[in-house]
Amino acid sequence: WKEAFNIFADMRSAASRSPKPNLQSFCMVLYACADTTEGNAWALAIGYWTDMRKDKITPDFDAYDMLLLVAERGERWDWSRQLLDTLFKLNAPSTVTMFNAALNAARRGKRWELAQSLLREMSEELLLPTIVSYSFAVESCEQADRFDV
């Protein structure tokens, strides 16, 4: 993953003859952030996201999926909630994948209330939760010692 970041930094360099980063290259570097076990990967992803916006590159739903994946793997449940809210404000179509990423972040953060809220929102968005969705919600209750829910 470090090599991917180095290649990307070279692309961004003003002196570089490489092509300038586009949406696909930003998505790939976000995926590299999600794929690493480094604890600060989510902070790197925020930096890349900011750079993408500065470069006037409009994120698509894959970019948001990648960012949600970074939030999930970085156990940033609060950030995944904010991302979903941003998507709703943009009238972006909701996907089960997006909700599952947020549910997994809630599970990792032991946020059972958030997990329940996300399941309700899935229904409101007319999305059918999968076995994975329910598993993440149940595990979030287990990890928070909430067996009464």
Protein backbone atom coordinates (compact mmCIF):
# COMPACT_ATOMS: atom_id res chain seq x y z
CA TRP A 1 0.00 0.00 0.00
CA LYS A 2 2.90 2.37 0.67
CA GLU A 3 4.02 1.97 -2.91
CA ALA A 4 0.52 2.86 -4.12
CA PHE A 5 0.68 6.06 -2.07
CA ASN A 6 4.11 6.87 -3.51
CA ILE A 7 2.89 6.38 -7.09
CA PHE A 8 -0.11 8.56 -6.38
CA ALA A 9 2.10 11.27 -4.84
CA ASP A 10 4.25 11.18 -7.98
CA MET A 11 1.14 11.64 -10.12
CA ARG A 12 0.19 14.70 -8.07
CA SER A 13 3.65 16.22 -8.25
CA ALA A 14 3.79 19.36 -10.38
CA ALA A 15 7.08 18.27 -11.90
CA SER A 16 5.72 14.86 -12.85
CA ARG A 17 5.14 13.90 -16.45
CA SER A 18 2.62 11.33 -15.26
CA PRO A 19 -1.03 11.88 -16.02
CA LYS A 20 -2.84 13.89 -13.38
CA PRO A 21 -5.05 11.95 -10.97
CA ASN A 22 -8.67 11.43 -11.98
CA LEU A 23 -11.66 9.96 -10.21
CA GLN A 24 -10.49 6.38 -10.80
CA SER A 25 -7.04 7.01 -9.39
CA PHE A 26 -8.52 8.70 -6.32
CA CYS A 27 -10.85 5.73 -5.82
CA MET A 28 -7.91 3.36 -6.05
CA VAL A 29 -5.88 5.26 -3.46
CA LEU A 30 -8.95 5.34 -1.20
CA TYR A 31 -9.21 1.58 -1.65
CA ALA A 32 -5.54 1.29 -0.67
CA CYS A 33 -6.38 3.24 2.50
CA ALA A 34 -9.21 0.81 3.23
CA ASP A 35 -7.01 -2.19 2.51
CA THR A 36 -4.24 -1.33 4.96
CA THR A 37 -4.16 -2.15 8.64
CA GLU A 38 -2.37 1.10 9.48
CA GLY A 39 -4.26 2.94 12.18
CA ASN A 40 -4.03 6.31 10.46
CA ALA A 41 -5.39 5.16 7.08
CA TRP A 42 -8.67 6.96 7.66
CA ALA A 43 -6.77 10.23 8.19
CA LEU A 44 -4.91 9.67 4.92
CA ALA A 45 -8.23 9.01 3.21
CA ILE A 46 -9.61 12.31 4.49
CA GLY A 47 -6.57 14.05 3.04
CA TYR A 48 -7.03 12.36 -0.34
CA TRP A 49 -10.75 13.17 -0.27
CA THR A 50 -9.94 16.83 0.41
CA ASP A 51 -7.40 16.82 -2.43
CA MET A 52 -9.98 15.32 -4.76
CA ARG A 53 -12.42 18.09 -3.93
CA LYS A 54 -9.68 20.75 -4.34
CA ASP A 55 -8.94 19.31 -7.78
CA LYS A 56 -12.64 19.78 -8.59
CA ILE A 57 -13.15 16.07 -9.13
CA THR A 58 -16.73 15.16 -8.34
CA PRO A 59 -16.99 11.95 -6.34
CA ASP A 60 -19.26 9.23 -7.65
CA PHE A 61 -20.94 6.51 -5.64
CA ASP A 62 -17.89 4.25 -5.92
CA ALA A 63 -15.82 6.97 -4.26
CA TYR A 64 -18.35 7.21 -1.42
CA ASP A 65 -18.34 3.41 -1.15
CA MET A 66 -14.55 3.47 -0.82
CA LEU A 67 -14.74 6.18 1.83
CA LEU A 68 -17.37 4.20 3.74
CA LEU A 69 -15.11 1.16 3.53
CA VAL A 70 -12.25 3.19 5.04
CA ALA A 71 -14.58 4.37 7.83
CA GLU A 72 -15.72 0.80 8.45
CA ARG A 73 -12.24 -0.68 8.62
CA GLY A 74 -10.94 2.24 10.66
CA GLU A 75 -13.80 1.73 13.13
CA ARG A 76 -14.95 5.29 12.51
CA TRP A 77 -18.68 4.78 13.08
CA ASP A 78 -19.21 8.52 13.53
CA TRP A 79 -17.62 9.24 10.18
CA SER A 80 -19.66 6.55 8.41
CA ARG A 81 -22.84 8.12 9.82
CA GLN A 82 -21.80 11.53 8.48
CA LEU A 83 -21.03 10.05 5.07
CA LEU A 84 -24.46 8.42 4.84
CA ASP A 85 -26.10 11.70 5.82
CA THR A 86 -24.12 13.49 3.11
CA LEU A 87 -25.25 10.94 0.55
CA PHE A 88 -28.87 11.40 1.58
CA LYS A 89 -28.54 15.18 1.19
CA LEU A 90 -27.14 14.65 -2.30
CA ASN A 91 -30.11 12.42 -3.15
CA ALA A 92 -27.69 9.62 -3.92
CA PRO A 93 -29.26 6.20 -4.34
CA SER A 94 -28.74 4.14 -1.22
CA THR A 95 -27.21 0.70 -1.48
CA VAL A 96 -27.07 -2.26 0.84
CA THR A 97 -23.27 -2.13 0.54
CA MET A 98 -23.20 1.41 1.92
CA PHE A 99 -25.43 0.50 4.83
CA ASN A 100 -23.48 -2.68 5.56
CA ALA A 101 -20.25 -0.69 5.75
CA ALA A 102 -21.89 1.69 8.24
CA LEU A 103 -23.39 -1.24 10.18
CA ASN A 104 -19.99 -2.88 10.42
CA ALA A 105 -18.45 0.37 11.68
CA ALA A 106 -21.26 0.53 14.27
CA ARG A 107 -20.51 -3.07 15.25
CA ARG A 108 -16.83 -2.38 15.67
CA GLY A 109 -17.60 0.73 17.71
CA LYS A 110 -20.14 -1.16 19.86
CA ARG A 111 -22.80 1.35 18.80
CA TRP A 112 -25.92 -0.80 19.02
CA GLU A 113 -28.24 2.25 18.88
CA LEU A 114 -26.71 3.30 15.58
CA ALA A 115 -27.00 -0.23 14.21
CA GLN A 116 -30.71 -0.32 15.04
CA SER A 117 -31.20 3.10 13.48
CA LEU A 118 -29.40 2.02 10.31
CA LEU A 119 -31.62 -1.07 9.98
CA ARG A 120 -34.70 1.15 10.27
CA GLU A 121 -33.30 3.53 7.66
CA MET A 122 -32.67 0.63 5.29
CA SER A 123 -36.37 -0.22 5.50
CA GLU A 124 -37.32 3.41 4.94
CA GLU A 125 -35.10 3.42 1.84
CA LEU A 126 -36.86 0.22 0.68
CA LEU A 127 -33.63 -1.75 0.92
CA LEU A 128 -33.75 -5.33 2.12
CA PRO A 129 -31.18 -6.00 4.83
CA THR A 130 -29.06 -9.06 4.16
CA ILE A 131 -27.93 -11.71 6.60
CA VAL A 132 -24.73 -9.68 6.85
CA SER A 133 -26.73 -6.57 7.80
CA TYR A 134 -28.52 -8.42 10.58
CA SER A 135 -25.32 -10.11 11.75
CA PHE A 136 -23.57 -6.77 12.15
CA ALA A 137 -26.56 -5.38 14.08
CA VAL A 138 -26.77 -8.41 16.37
CA GLU A 139 -23.02 -8.38 16.99
CA SER A 140 -23.13 -4.68 17.87
CA CYS A 141 -25.69 -5.52 20.57
CA GLU A 142 -23.60 -8.46 21.77
CA GLN A 143 -20.43 -6.41 22.01
CA ALA A 144 -22.23 -3.70 23.96
CA ASP A 145 -23.75 -6.36 26.27
CA ARG A 146 -27.23 -5.36 25.15
CA PHE A 147 -29.13 -8.62 25.15
CA ASP A 148 -32.45 -6.96 25.98
CA VAL A 149 -32.78 -5.25 22.58
